[in-house]
Amino acid sequence: MRLTKIICGPLFFSTVLVSTSAFAVNMDAHAHHHHPMSTESSQAVVDYSLPKVNLVRQDGKTVPLADELNDGRPVILNFIYTTCTTVCPLTSQTFSQLQTALGSDKYKVHLVSISIDPEEDTPARLQKYAQKFGADSEWNHYTGSVEASIATQRAFDVYRGDKMNHNPVTLLRSAPGKPWLRIDGFSSAADLLNAYRNLVAVK
C-alpha cells in the first residue's frame, strides 16, 4: 500500500444527520455500542492491491472481487453490516442520495458495499438491506467467507478486529489500475459526487 497525499477537510456529519433523521433515534439507542465518532475527515490517495478472494453478491452469485472492481467502471466503495445502527445507515443513506444525484450517470458507476459481518449478512439479508436504501442495479452488496471479508478489509486498511470498532471510510477509483481516493470520516452525497467528477475528469 502506498499513500501519496493527505488532505484534511471539514466534517459533514451534521449535514448527514439532518438528512437521515429517520435513523437518529436508532443511533441514540445504540450509540454505546461504538467508540466515539471522529469529528474530522481526511482524504488520501492510496495504491491498494486487491486480494485474490471471492465474494458473494446479494443475488447469491459467487464472484472474484477483482473482476467486480475491474469491470472498467469507476468504483465508489464502502464497508457496512446490516445490523449496524450507527455508521452504516448513515453511509448507506449517503450512497442512496449519491445514486440519485448521479442521475443518468449512475449507470456508468459501480457502487460497492462490502459486509464486515459475513457470518450474519447472508445474500438474502443484503438484498433486503439494499432494497431498504433503494439500491439500483449499479449498486451491489457483497458478503462471503469470514476469511475473504477480513482479507478484503485488510487490503483496504479498514480491518479493526471488531465490527463495533469500524469507522466510516469511502474509497473512490476512476478506473482499474488507478489509485484510490480514500475518505476517512463522513461525507455528504455532494462531496462524493464532486470527488467522483474530479477523478473521472483526469482519468
N, C-alpha and C. Protein backbone atom coordinates (compact mmCIF):
# COMPACT_ATOMS: atom_id res chain seq x y z
N MET A 1 0.85 -1.19 0.00
CA MET A 1 0.00 0.00 0.00
C MET A 1 0.88 1.23 0.00
N ARG A 2 0.65 2.16 -0.90
CA ARG A 2 1.45 3.37 -0.96
C ARG A 2 0.55 4.58 -0.81
N LEU A 3 0.77 5.36 0.21
CA LEU A 3 -0.03 6.56 0.45
C LEU A 3 0.73 7.73 -0.11
N THR A 4 0.09 8.50 -0.98
CA THR A 4 0.83 9.54 -1.69
C THR A 4 0.44 10.96 -1.28
N LYS A 5 -0.71 11.15 -0.66
CA LYS A 5 -1.09 12.52 -0.33
C LYS A 5 -2.16 12.51 0.75
N ILE A 6 -2.10 13.44 1.67
CA ILE A 6 -3.12 13.54 2.70
C ILE A 6 -3.63 14.97 2.75
N ILE A 7 -4.93 15.12 2.77
CA ILE A 7 -5.56 16.43 2.86
C ILE A 7 -6.59 16.39 3.96
N CYS A 8 -6.55 17.27 4.92
CA CYS A 8 -7.57 17.33 5.94
C CYS A 8 -8.71 18.20 5.46
N GLY A 9 -9.93 17.78 5.77
CA GLY A 9 -11.09 18.52 5.32
C GLY A 9 -12.12 18.66 6.41
N PRO A 10 -13.17 19.42 6.15
CA PRO A 10 -14.21 19.63 7.15
C PRO A 10 -15.10 18.40 7.29
N LEU A 11 -15.88 18.38 8.32
CA LEU A 11 -16.80 17.27 8.59
C LEU A 11 -18.18 17.61 8.08
N PHE A 12 -18.87 16.60 7.54
CA PHE A 12 -20.21 16.80 7.03
C PHE A 12 -21.20 15.96 7.81
N PHE A 13 -20.79 15.54 8.99
CA PHE A 13 -21.60 14.66 9.82
C PHE A 13 -22.93 15.30 10.14
N SER A 14 -22.92 16.60 10.48
CA SER A 14 -24.17 17.25 10.86
C SER A 14 -25.13 17.28 9.70
N THR A 15 -24.61 17.50 8.48
CA THR A 15 -25.46 17.50 7.30
C THR A 15 -26.11 16.15 7.09
N VAL A 16 -25.31 15.11 7.27
CA VAL A 16 -25.83 13.75 7.09
C VAL A 16 -26.89 13.46 8.13
N LEU A 17 -26.66 13.89 9.35
CA LEU A 17 -27.63 13.63 10.40
C LEU A 17 -28.96 14.29 10.09
N VAL A 18 -28.92 15.51 9.58
CA VAL A 18 -30.16 16.20 9.26
C VAL A 18 -30.93 15.46 8.19
N SER A 19 -30.21 14.97 7.18
CA SER A 19 -30.88 14.34 6.06
C SER A 19 -31.29 12.90 6.36
N THR A 20 -30.87 12.36 7.47
CA THR A 20 -31.21 10.98 7.79
C THR A 20 -31.81 10.91 9.18
N SER A 21 -32.71 11.83 9.46
CA SER A 21 -33.28 11.89 10.79
C SER A 21 -34.01 10.63 11.17
N ALA A 22 -34.44 9.84 10.17
CA ALA A 22 -35.16 8.60 10.47
C ALA A 22 -34.28 7.63 11.23
N PHE A 23 -32.96 7.79 11.10
CA PHE A 23 -32.04 6.89 11.76
C PHE A 23 -31.52 7.44 13.08
N ALA A 24 -31.86 8.68 13.36
CA ALA A 24 -31.27 9.32 14.52
C ALA A 24 -31.67 8.63 15.81
N VAL A 25 -32.92 8.17 15.91
CA VAL A 25 -33.38 7.52 17.12
C VAL A 25 -32.57 6.26 17.39
N ASN A 26 -32.39 5.45 16.32
CA ASN A 26 -31.61 4.24 16.49
C ASN A 26 -30.18 4.54 16.89
N MET A 27 -29.64 5.62 16.35
CA MET A 27 -28.27 5.98 16.68
C MET A 27 -28.14 6.26 18.17
N ASP A 28 -29.11 7.01 18.71
CA ASP A 28 -29.04 7.33 20.13
C ASP A 28 -29.17 6.07 20.97
N ALA A 29 -30.05 5.18 20.55
CA ALA A 29 -30.32 3.99 21.35
C ALA A 29 -29.14 3.04 21.40
N HIS A 30 -28.32 3.06 20.36
CA HIS A 30 -27.24 2.07 20.29
C HIS A 30 -25.87 2.72 20.26
N ALA A 31 -25.80 4.00 20.56
CA ALA A 31 -24.52 4.70 20.44
C ALA A 31 -23.46 4.10 21.35
N HIS A 32 -23.88 3.47 22.46
CA HIS A 32 -22.91 2.91 23.38
C HIS A 32 -22.18 1.71 22.81
N HIS A 33 -22.67 1.18 21.69
CA HIS A 33 -22.02 0.04 21.07
C HIS A 33 -20.75 0.42 20.33
N HIS A 34 -20.58 1.68 20.05
CA HIS A 34 -19.44 2.11 19.26
C HIS A 34 -18.60 3.10 20.05
N HIS A 35 -17.34 3.18 19.63
CA HIS A 35 -16.50 4.21 20.18
C HIS A 35 -16.93 5.56 19.62
N PRO A 36 -16.54 6.68 20.24
CA PRO A 36 -16.97 7.98 19.75
C PRO A 36 -16.54 8.20 18.30
N MET A 37 -17.45 8.80 17.51
CA MET A 37 -17.13 9.04 16.11
C MET A 37 -16.29 10.29 15.97
N SER A 38 -15.36 10.25 15.05
CA SER A 38 -14.47 11.38 14.82
C SER A 38 -15.24 12.58 14.29
N THR A 39 -14.81 13.75 14.66
CA THR A 39 -15.41 14.97 14.13
C THR A 39 -14.55 15.54 13.00
N GLU A 40 -13.57 14.79 12.54
CA GLU A 40 -12.71 15.24 11.46
C GLU A 40 -12.80 14.24 10.31
N SER A 41 -12.54 14.74 9.13
CA SER A 41 -12.43 13.84 7.99
C SER A 41 -11.12 14.13 7.28
N SER A 42 -10.64 13.15 6.55
CA SER A 42 -9.39 13.34 5.84
C SER A 42 -9.42 12.56 4.54
N GLN A 43 -8.60 12.98 3.60
CA GLN A 43 -8.52 12.31 2.31
C GLN A 43 -7.08 11.92 2.03
N ALA A 44 -6.93 10.82 1.34
CA ALA A 44 -5.60 10.37 0.94
C ALA A 44 -5.71 9.63 -0.38
N VAL A 45 -4.70 9.73 -1.20
CA VAL A 45 -4.62 8.97 -2.44
C VAL A 45 -3.70 7.79 -2.18
N VAL A 46 -4.23 6.59 -2.36
CA VAL A 46 -3.52 5.38 -1.93
C VAL A 46 -3.59 4.31 -3.02
N ASP A 47 -2.49 3.61 -3.19
CA ASP A 47 -2.48 2.43 -4.07
C ASP A 47 -2.76 1.19 -3.22
N TYR A 48 -3.81 0.47 -3.57
CA TYR A 48 -4.13 -0.77 -2.86
C TYR A 48 -4.00 -1.94 -3.83
N SER A 49 -3.54 -3.07 -3.31
CA SER A 49 -3.52 -4.31 -4.09
C SER A 49 -4.74 -5.14 -3.71
N LEU A 50 -5.53 -5.52 -4.70
CA LEU A 50 -6.73 -6.28 -4.42
C LEU A 50 -6.38 -7.72 -4.04
N PRO A 51 -7.00 -8.24 -3.00
CA PRO A 51 -6.75 -9.64 -2.64
C PRO A 51 -7.43 -10.59 -3.63
N LYS A 52 -6.85 -11.77 -3.77
CA LYS A 52 -7.45 -12.77 -4.67
C LYS A 52 -8.49 -13.57 -3.90
N VAL A 53 -9.64 -12.98 -3.72
CA VAL A 53 -10.72 -13.63 -2.97
C VAL A 53 -12.00 -13.58 -3.78
N ASN A 54 -12.88 -14.50 -3.44
CA ASN A 54 -14.22 -14.50 -4.00
C ASN A 54 -15.20 -13.97 -2.95
N LEU A 55 -16.12 -13.16 -3.38
CA LEU A 55 -17.20 -12.68 -2.51
C LEU A 55 -18.53 -13.15 -3.10
N VAL A 56 -19.58 -13.02 -2.30
CA VAL A 56 -20.92 -13.43 -2.75
C VAL A 56 -21.80 -12.19 -2.83
N ARG A 57 -22.30 -11.93 -4.03
CA ARG A 57 -23.15 -10.77 -4.27
C ARG A 57 -24.54 -10.99 -3.67
N GLN A 58 -25.30 -9.91 -3.55
CA GLN A 58 -26.63 -10.01 -2.93
C GLN A 58 -27.58 -10.91 -3.72
N ASP A 59 -27.25 -11.18 -4.99
CA ASP A 59 -28.08 -12.10 -5.78
C ASP A 59 -27.66 -13.55 -5.61
N GLY A 60 -26.67 -13.79 -4.72
CA GLY A 60 -26.24 -15.16 -4.43
C GLY A 60 -25.11 -15.65 -5.31
N LYS A 61 -24.68 -14.88 -6.28
CA LYS A 61 -23.63 -15.31 -7.20
C LYS A 61 -22.26 -15.08 -6.57
N THR A 62 -21.41 -16.12 -6.63
CA THR A 62 -20.03 -16.00 -6.15
C THR A 62 -19.17 -15.40 -7.26
N VAL A 63 -18.44 -14.34 -6.89
CA VAL A 63 -17.69 -13.60 -7.91
C VAL A 63 -16.31 -13.24 -7.36
N PRO A 64 -15.30 -13.23 -8.22
CA PRO A 64 -13.98 -12.74 -7.79
C PRO A 64 -14.06 -11.23 -7.53
N LEU A 65 -13.53 -10.80 -6.39
CA LEU A 65 -13.56 -9.38 -6.06
C LEU A 65 -12.90 -8.55 -7.16
N ALA A 66 -11.75 -9.01 -7.64
CA ALA A 66 -11.02 -8.24 -8.66
C ALA A 66 -11.86 -8.06 -9.93
N ASP A 67 -12.60 -9.08 -10.32
CA ASP A 67 -13.43 -8.96 -11.52
C ASP A 67 -14.54 -7.93 -11.31
N GLU A 68 -15.09 -7.92 -10.12
CA GLU A 68 -16.19 -6.98 -9.84
C GLU A 68 -15.69 -5.53 -9.85
N LEU A 69 -14.47 -5.33 -9.34
CA LEU A 69 -13.96 -3.95 -9.23
C LEU A 69 -13.24 -3.50 -10.50
N ASN A 70 -12.86 -4.44 -11.34
CA ASN A 70 -12.09 -4.10 -12.54
C ASN A 70 -12.91 -4.27 -13.81
N ASP A 71 -14.20 -3.96 -13.76
CA ASP A 71 -15.02 -4.12 -14.96
C ASP A 71 -14.99 -2.88 -15.85
N GLY A 72 -14.13 -1.92 -15.50
CA GLY A 72 -13.96 -0.74 -16.35
C GLY A 72 -14.66 0.50 -15.83
N ARG A 73 -15.65 0.31 -14.97
CA ARG A 73 -16.38 1.46 -14.44
C ARG A 73 -15.63 2.10 -13.26
N PRO A 74 -15.83 3.40 -13.04
CA PRO A 74 -15.39 3.98 -11.78
C PRO A 74 -16.07 3.26 -10.62
N VAL A 75 -15.36 3.15 -9.50
CA VAL A 75 -15.89 2.45 -8.33
C VAL A 75 -15.97 3.40 -7.14
N ILE A 76 -17.08 3.34 -6.44
CA ILE A 76 -17.23 4.05 -5.16
C ILE A 76 -17.62 2.99 -4.14
N LEU A 77 -16.79 2.78 -3.14
CA LEU A 77 -16.88 1.59 -2.28
C LEU A 77 -16.92 1.97 -0.80
N ASN A 78 -17.73 1.24 -0.05
CA ASN A 78 -17.68 1.38 1.42
C ASN A 78 -17.87 0.01 2.07
N PHE A 79 -17.76 -0.02 3.39
CA PHE A 79 -17.93 -1.25 4.16
C PHE A 79 -19.08 -1.03 5.15
N ILE A 80 -19.95 -2.04 5.23
CA ILE A 80 -21.14 -1.91 6.06
C ILE A 80 -21.44 -3.25 6.74
N TYR A 81 -22.39 -3.27 7.65
CA TYR A 81 -23.04 -4.52 8.03
C TYR A 81 -24.48 -4.20 8.37
N THR A 82 -25.35 -5.15 8.12
CA THR A 82 -26.78 -4.83 8.07
C THR A 82 -27.40 -4.58 9.43
N THR A 83 -26.80 -5.07 10.51
CA THR A 83 -27.38 -4.82 11.83
C THR A 83 -26.78 -3.59 12.50
N CYS A 84 -25.90 -2.91 11.82
CA CYS A 84 -25.31 -1.68 12.34
C CYS A 84 -26.40 -0.61 12.50
N THR A 85 -26.34 0.11 13.59
CA THR A 85 -27.35 1.14 13.84
C THR A 85 -26.74 2.54 13.91
N THR A 86 -25.47 2.65 13.63
CA THR A 86 -24.83 3.97 13.74
C THR A 86 -24.23 4.41 12.42
N VAL A 87 -23.02 3.95 12.13
CA VAL A 87 -22.30 4.42 10.94
C VAL A 87 -22.98 3.97 9.64
N CYS A 88 -23.31 2.71 9.55
CA CYS A 88 -23.75 2.13 8.27
C CYS A 88 -25.05 2.72 7.72
N PRO A 89 -26.08 2.94 8.55
CA PRO A 89 -27.28 3.57 8.00
C PRO A 89 -26.99 4.94 7.40
N LEU A 90 -26.07 5.67 8.02
CA LEU A 90 -25.75 7.00 7.51
C LEU A 90 -24.98 6.93 6.19
N THR A 91 -23.98 6.05 6.14
CA THR A 91 -23.20 5.96 4.91
C THR A 91 -24.02 5.34 3.78
N SER A 92 -24.90 4.42 4.12
CA SER A 92 -25.77 3.84 3.09
C SER A 92 -26.77 4.86 2.59
N GLN A 93 -27.28 5.69 3.49
CA GLN A 93 -28.19 6.75 3.07
C GLN A 93 -27.46 7.74 2.15
N THR A 94 -26.20 8.00 2.46
CA THR A 94 -25.41 8.88 1.60
C THR A 94 -25.24 8.26 0.21
N PHE A 95 -24.98 6.96 0.15
CA PHE A 95 -24.88 6.29 -1.15
C PHE A 95 -26.21 6.38 -1.90
N SER A 96 -27.31 6.24 -1.17
CA SER A 96 -28.61 6.33 -1.81
C SER A 96 -28.82 7.72 -2.41
N GLN A 97 -28.42 8.74 -1.65
CA GLN A 97 -28.55 10.12 -2.15
C GLN A 97 -27.60 10.35 -3.33
N LEU A 98 -26.41 9.77 -3.24
CA LEU A 98 -25.45 9.90 -4.34
C LEU A 98 -26.00 9.25 -5.60
N GLN A 99 -26.63 8.11 -5.44
CA GLN A 99 -27.22 7.41 -6.57
C GLN A 99 -28.21 8.32 -7.30
N THR A 100 -29.02 9.03 -6.52
CA THR A 100 -29.98 9.96 -7.11
C THR A 100 -29.26 11.14 -7.75
N ALA A 101 -28.25 11.66 -7.05
CA ALA A 101 -27.54 12.84 -7.54
C ALA A 101 -26.79 12.56 -8.84
N LEU A 102 -26.38 11.33 -9.04
CA LEU A 102 -25.65 10.97 -10.26
C LEU A 102 -26.55 11.03 -11.49
N GLY A 103 -27.84 10.93 -11.30
CA GLY A 103 -28.76 10.97 -12.43
C GLY A 103 -28.48 9.84 -13.41
N SER A 104 -28.48 10.18 -14.69
CA SER A 104 -28.25 9.14 -15.71
C SER A 104 -26.83 8.60 -15.66
N ASP A 105 -25.92 9.33 -15.04
CA ASP A 105 -24.53 8.86 -14.93
C ASP A 105 -24.39 7.68 -13.97
N LYS A 106 -25.45 7.42 -13.18
CA LYS A 106 -25.31 6.37 -12.17
C LYS A 106 -25.02 5.00 -12.80
N TYR A 107 -25.47 4.81 -14.03
CA TYR A 107 -25.24 3.51 -14.67
C TYR A 107 -23.81 3.37 -15.21
N LYS A 108 -23.04 4.46 -15.12
CA LYS A 108 -21.63 4.41 -15.53
C LYS A 108 -20.71 4.11 -14.34
N VAL A 109 -21.29 4.09 -13.13
CA VAL A 109 -20.51 3.95 -11.91
C VAL A 109 -20.90 2.65 -11.21
N HIS A 110 -19.95 2.04 -10.53
CA HIS A 110 -20.24 0.85 -9.73
C HIS A 110 -20.16 1.23 -8.26
N LEU A 111 -21.31 1.26 -7.59
CA LEU A 111 -21.34 1.47 -6.15
C LEU A 111 -21.21 0.10 -5.49
N VAL A 112 -20.31 0.00 -4.52
CA VAL A 112 -19.98 -1.28 -3.90
C VAL A 112 -20.03 -1.15 -2.38
N SER A 113 -20.82 -2.00 -1.75
CA SER A 113 -20.86 -2.06 -0.28
C SER A 113 -20.52 -3.48 0.14
N ILE A 114 -19.47 -3.61 0.94
CA ILE A 114 -18.99 -4.93 1.36
C ILE A 114 -19.23 -5.13 2.84
N SER A 115 -19.85 -6.25 3.18
CA SER A 115 -20.16 -6.53 4.59
C SER A 115 -18.91 -6.88 5.39
N ILE A 116 -18.84 -6.33 6.60
CA ILE A 116 -17.77 -6.72 7.53
C ILE A 116 -18.32 -7.72 8.56
N ASP A 117 -19.53 -8.20 8.32
CA ASP A 117 -20.15 -9.18 9.21
C ASP A 117 -20.71 -10.33 8.38
N PRO A 118 -19.83 -11.07 7.69
CA PRO A 118 -20.32 -12.09 6.75
C PRO A 118 -21.05 -13.24 7.42
N GLU A 119 -20.81 -13.47 8.70
CA GLU A 119 -21.49 -14.58 9.37
C GLU A 119 -22.99 -14.30 9.52
N GLU A 120 -23.35 -13.05 9.63
CA GLU A 120 -24.76 -12.67 9.75
C GLU A 120 -25.36 -12.23 8.43
N ASP A 121 -24.55 -11.59 7.62
CA ASP A 121 -25.07 -10.99 6.39
C ASP A 121 -25.10 -11.98 5.24
N THR A 122 -26.19 -12.68 5.14
CA THR A 122 -26.41 -13.59 4.02
C THR A 122 -26.79 -12.77 2.79
N PRO A 123 -26.70 -13.37 1.61
CA PRO A 123 -27.16 -12.64 0.42
C PRO A 123 -28.60 -12.15 0.56
N ALA A 124 -29.46 -12.96 1.13
CA ALA A 124 -30.86 -12.54 1.29
C ALA A 124 -30.97 -11.33 2.21
N ARG A 125 -30.19 -11.32 3.26
CA ARG A 125 -30.22 -10.18 4.17
C ARG A 125 -29.65 -8.93 3.49
N LEU A 126 -28.61 -9.11 2.70
CA LEU A 126 -28.05 -7.97 1.96
C LEU A 126 -29.05 -7.44 0.94
N GLN A 127 -29.77 -8.35 0.32
CA GLN A 127 -30.76 -7.92 -0.67
C GLN A 127 -31.85 -7.08 0.00
N LYS A 128 -32.28 -7.50 1.17
CA LYS A 128 -33.28 -6.74 1.89
C LYS A 128 -32.73 -5.39 2.31
N TYR A 129 -31.48 -5.37 2.76
CA TYR A 129 -30.83 -4.12 3.15
C TYR A 129 -30.72 -3.18 1.94
N ALA A 130 -30.33 -3.73 0.80
CA ALA A 130 -30.19 -2.93 -0.42
C ALA A 130 -31.53 -2.32 -0.81
N GLN A 131 -32.58 -3.10 -0.69
CA GLN A 131 -33.92 -2.58 -1.02
C GLN A 131 -34.32 -1.46 -0.08
N LYS A 132 -33.94 -1.59 1.17
CA LYS A 132 -34.27 -0.57 2.17
C LYS A 132 -33.72 0.80 1.77
N PHE A 133 -32.55 0.78 1.12
CA PHE A 133 -31.93 2.04 0.73
C PHE A 133 -32.10 2.34 -0.76
N GLY A 134 -32.99 1.62 -1.40
CA GLY A 134 -33.31 1.90 -2.80
C GLY A 134 -32.18 1.64 -3.76
N ALA A 135 -31.34 0.65 -3.46
CA ALA A 135 -30.20 0.36 -4.33
C ALA A 135 -30.68 -0.07 -5.72
N ASP A 136 -30.15 0.60 -6.73
CA ASP A 136 -30.46 0.24 -8.11
C ASP A 136 -29.44 -0.78 -8.61
N SER A 137 -29.53 -1.11 -9.88
CA SER A 137 -28.71 -2.22 -10.41
C SER A 137 -27.21 -1.95 -10.37
N GLU A 138 -26.82 -0.68 -10.32
CA GLU A 138 -25.39 -0.37 -10.31
C GLU A 138 -24.79 -0.39 -8.91
N TRP A 139 -25.63 -0.60 -7.89
CA TRP A 139 -25.16 -0.62 -6.50
C TRP A 139 -25.27 -2.05 -5.98
N ASN A 140 -24.12 -2.68 -5.81
CA ASN A 140 -24.09 -4.07 -5.36
C ASN A 140 -23.58 -4.19 -3.93
N HIS A 141 -24.11 -5.19 -3.24
CA HIS A 141 -23.69 -5.50 -1.88
C HIS A 141 -23.07 -6.90 -1.88
N TYR A 142 -22.02 -7.07 -1.06
CA TYR A 142 -21.26 -8.32 -1.09
C TYR A 142 -21.04 -8.86 0.32
N THR A 143 -21.06 -10.18 0.42
CA THR A 143 -20.67 -10.86 1.63
C THR A 143 -19.69 -11.97 1.21
N GLY A 144 -19.54 -13.00 2.02
CA GLY A 144 -18.61 -14.08 1.67
C GLY A 144 -18.15 -14.79 2.92
N SER A 145 -17.03 -15.48 2.81
CA SER A 145 -16.49 -16.15 3.99
C SER A 145 -15.86 -15.11 4.92
N VAL A 146 -15.67 -15.52 6.17
CA VAL A 146 -15.00 -14.64 7.13
C VAL A 146 -13.59 -14.31 6.64
N GLU A 147 -12.90 -15.33 6.12
CA GLU A 147 -11.53 -15.13 5.65
C GLU A 147 -11.48 -14.13 4.49
N ALA A 148 -12.42 -14.26 3.57
CA ALA A 148 -12.45 -13.35 2.41
C ALA A 148 -12.78 -11.93 2.85
N SER A 149 -13.71 -11.82 3.80
CA SER A 149 -14.08 -10.49 4.29
C SER A 149 -12.89 -9.81 4.98
N ILE A 150 -12.21 -10.56 5.83
CA ILE A 150 -11.07 -9.97 6.54
C ILE A 150 -9.96 -9.62 5.58
N ALA A 151 -9.70 -10.48 4.61
CA ALA A 151 -8.66 -10.19 3.62
C ALA A 151 -8.98 -8.91 2.86
N THR A 152 -10.25 -8.73 2.53
CA THR A 152 -10.66 -7.52 1.81
C THR A 152 -10.53 -6.29 2.69
N GLN A 153 -10.95 -6.43 3.95
CA GLN A 153 -10.82 -5.30 4.87
C GLN A 153 -9.36 -4.93 5.09
N ARG A 154 -8.51 -5.94 5.22
CA ARG A 154 -7.08 -5.67 5.42
C ARG A 154 -6.49 -5.01 4.18
N ALA A 155 -6.91 -5.45 3.02
CA ALA A 155 -6.37 -4.89 1.77
C ALA A 155 -6.64 -3.40 1.66
N PHE A 156 -7.79 -2.97 2.21
CA PHE A 156 -8.15 -1.55 2.16
C PHE A 156 -7.89 -0.85 3.51
N ASP A 157 -7.19 -1.52 4.39
CA ASP A 157 -6.80 -0.94 5.68
C ASP A 157 -8.02 -0.41 6.46
N VAL A 158 -9.06 -1.22 6.51
CA VAL A 158 -10.23 -0.84 7.32
C VAL A 158 -10.52 -1.88 8.40
N TYR A 159 -9.71 -2.95 8.45
CA TYR A 159 -9.97 -4.00 9.43
C TYR A 159 -9.59 -3.52 10.82
N ARG A 160 -10.55 -3.57 11.76
CA ARG A 160 -10.31 -3.11 13.12
C ARG A 160 -10.55 -4.22 14.15
N GLY A 161 -10.70 -5.45 13.70
CA GLY A 161 -10.81 -6.60 14.60
C GLY A 161 -12.23 -6.89 15.05
N ASP A 162 -12.98 -5.85 15.34
CA ASP A 162 -14.36 -5.99 15.82
C ASP A 162 -15.22 -5.04 15.00
N LYS A 163 -16.35 -5.56 14.53
CA LYS A 163 -17.21 -4.71 13.68
C LYS A 163 -17.68 -3.46 14.42
N MET A 164 -17.75 -3.54 15.76
CA MET A 164 -18.19 -2.39 16.53
C MET A 164 -17.20 -1.24 16.47
N ASN A 165 -15.98 -1.53 16.04
CA ASN A 165 -14.94 -0.51 16.01
C ASN A 165 -14.76 0.12 14.63
N HIS A 166 -15.63 -0.23 13.70
CA HIS A 166 -15.41 0.28 12.35
C HIS A 166 -15.71 1.77 12.25
N ASN A 167 -15.05 2.40 11.31
CA ASN A 167 -15.21 3.83 11.06
C ASN A 167 -15.75 4.05 9.66
N PRO A 168 -16.35 5.20 9.43
CA PRO A 168 -16.81 5.50 8.06
C PRO A 168 -15.63 5.76 7.13
N VAL A 169 -15.54 4.96 6.09
CA VAL A 169 -14.50 5.11 5.07
C VAL A 169 -15.14 4.92 3.70
N THR A 170 -14.86 5.83 2.79
CA THR A 170 -15.32 5.69 1.41
C THR A 170 -14.11 5.71 0.50
N LEU A 171 -14.11 4.82 -0.48
CA LEU A 171 -12.99 4.71 -1.42
C LEU A 171 -13.51 4.90 -2.84
N LEU A 172 -12.82 5.74 -3.60
CA LEU A 172 -13.23 6.02 -4.97
C LEU A 172 -12.05 5.77 -5.91
N ARG A 173 -12.34 5.19 -7.05
CA ARG A 173 -11.31 4.96 -8.06
C ARG A 173 -11.92 5.20 -9.44
N SER A 174 -11.20 5.91 -10.29
CA SER A 174 -11.76 6.29 -11.59
C SER A 174 -11.74 5.14 -12.59
N ALA A 175 -10.75 4.24 -12.47
CA ALA A 175 -10.63 3.15 -13.44
C ALA A 175 -9.65 2.12 -12.90
N PRO A 176 -9.71 0.89 -13.42
CA PRO A 176 -8.73 -0.13 -13.00
C PRO A 176 -7.30 0.36 -13.22
N GLY A 177 -6.45 0.09 -12.24
CA GLY A 177 -5.05 0.50 -12.35
C GLY A 177 -4.76 1.87 -11.79
N LYS A 178 -5.80 2.65 -11.53
CA LYS A 178 -5.63 3.98 -10.97
C LYS A 178 -5.58 3.89 -9.44
N PRO A 179 -4.99 4.88 -8.78
CA PRO A 179 -5.00 4.87 -7.31
C PRO A 179 -6.39 5.17 -6.78
N TRP A 180 -6.57 4.87 -5.51
CA TRP A 180 -7.85 5.11 -4.85
C TRP A 180 -7.80 6.43 -4.09
N LEU A 181 -8.90 7.14 -4.10
CA LEU A 181 -9.08 8.27 -3.20
C LEU A 181 -9.79 7.73 -1.96
N ARG A 182 -9.12 7.82 -0.83
CA ARG A 182 -9.70 7.33 0.43
C ARG A 182 -10.19 8.51 1.25
N ILE A 183 -11.44 8.45 1.68
CA ILE A 183 -12.01 9.48 2.53
C ILE A 183 -12.37 8.84 3.87
N ASP A 184 -11.67 9.21 4.91
CA ASP A 184 -11.98 8.76 6.26
C ASP A 184 -12.89 9.79 6.92
N GLY A 185 -14.02 9.32 7.45
CA GLY A 185 -14.99 10.23 8.05
C GLY A 185 -16.24 10.31 7.19
N PHE A 186 -17.21 11.03 7.69
CA PHE A 186 -18.47 11.14 6.96
C PHE A 186 -18.36 12.15 5.83
N SER A 187 -18.98 11.82 4.72
CA SER A 187 -19.06 12.72 3.57
C SER A 187 -20.52 12.85 3.17
N SER A 188 -20.85 13.98 2.58
CA SER A 188 -22.19 14.14 2.03
C SER A 188 -22.22 13.57 0.62
N ALA A 189 -23.42 13.37 0.09
CA ALA A 189 -23.55 12.91 -1.29
C ALA A 189 -22.92 13.92 -2.25
N ALA A 190 -23.08 15.21 -1.94
CA ALA A 190 -22.49 16.26 -2.80
C ALA A 190 -20.97 16.16 -2.80
N ASP A 191 -20.38 15.87 -1.65
CA ASP A 191 -18.93 15.72 -1.58
C ASP A 191 -18.47 14.55 -2.44
N LEU A 192 -19.17 13.42 -2.32
CA LEU A 192 -18.78 12.24 -3.10
C LEU A 192 -18.99 12.48 -4.59
N LEU A 193 -20.05 13.19 -4.93
CA LEU A 193 -20.30 13.50 -6.35
C LEU A 193 -19.17 14.36 -6.90
N ASN A 194 -18.76 15.37 -6.15
CA ASN A 194 -17.65 16.22 -6.59
C ASN A 194 -16.36 15.43 -6.70
N ALA A 195 -16.11 14.58 -5.72
CA ALA A 195 -14.89 13.76 -5.76
C ALA A 195 -14.90 12.84 -6.97
N TYR A 196 -16.04 12.24 -7.23
CA TYR A 196 -16.17 11.36 -8.40
C TYR A 196 -15.91 12.13 -9.70
N ARG A 197 -16.55 13.29 -9.81
CA ARG A 197 -16.39 14.08 -11.05
C ARG A 197 -14.94 14.53 -11.23
N ASN A 198 -14.29 14.90 -10.15
CA ASN A 198 -12.88 15.31 -10.24
C ASN A 198 -12.00 14.14 -10.68
N LEU A 199 -12.30 12.96 -10.16
CA LEU A 199 -11.50 11.79 -10.52
C LEU A 199 -11.66 11.43 -12.00
N VAL A 200 -12.91 11.39 -12.47
CA VAL A 200 -13.12 10.98 -13.87
C VAL A 200 -12.68 12.07 -14.85
N ALA A 201 -12.60 13.32 -14.37
CA ALA A 201 -12.17 14.41 -15.25
C ALA A 201 -10.70 14.27 -15.62
N VAL A 202 -9.92 13.63 -14.73
CA VAL A 202 -8.49 13.47 -15.00
C VAL A 202 -8.15 12.03 -15.31
N LYS A 203 -9.16 11.24 -15.61
CA LYS A 203 -8.98 9.81 -15.86
C LYS A 203 -8.02 9.57 -17.01
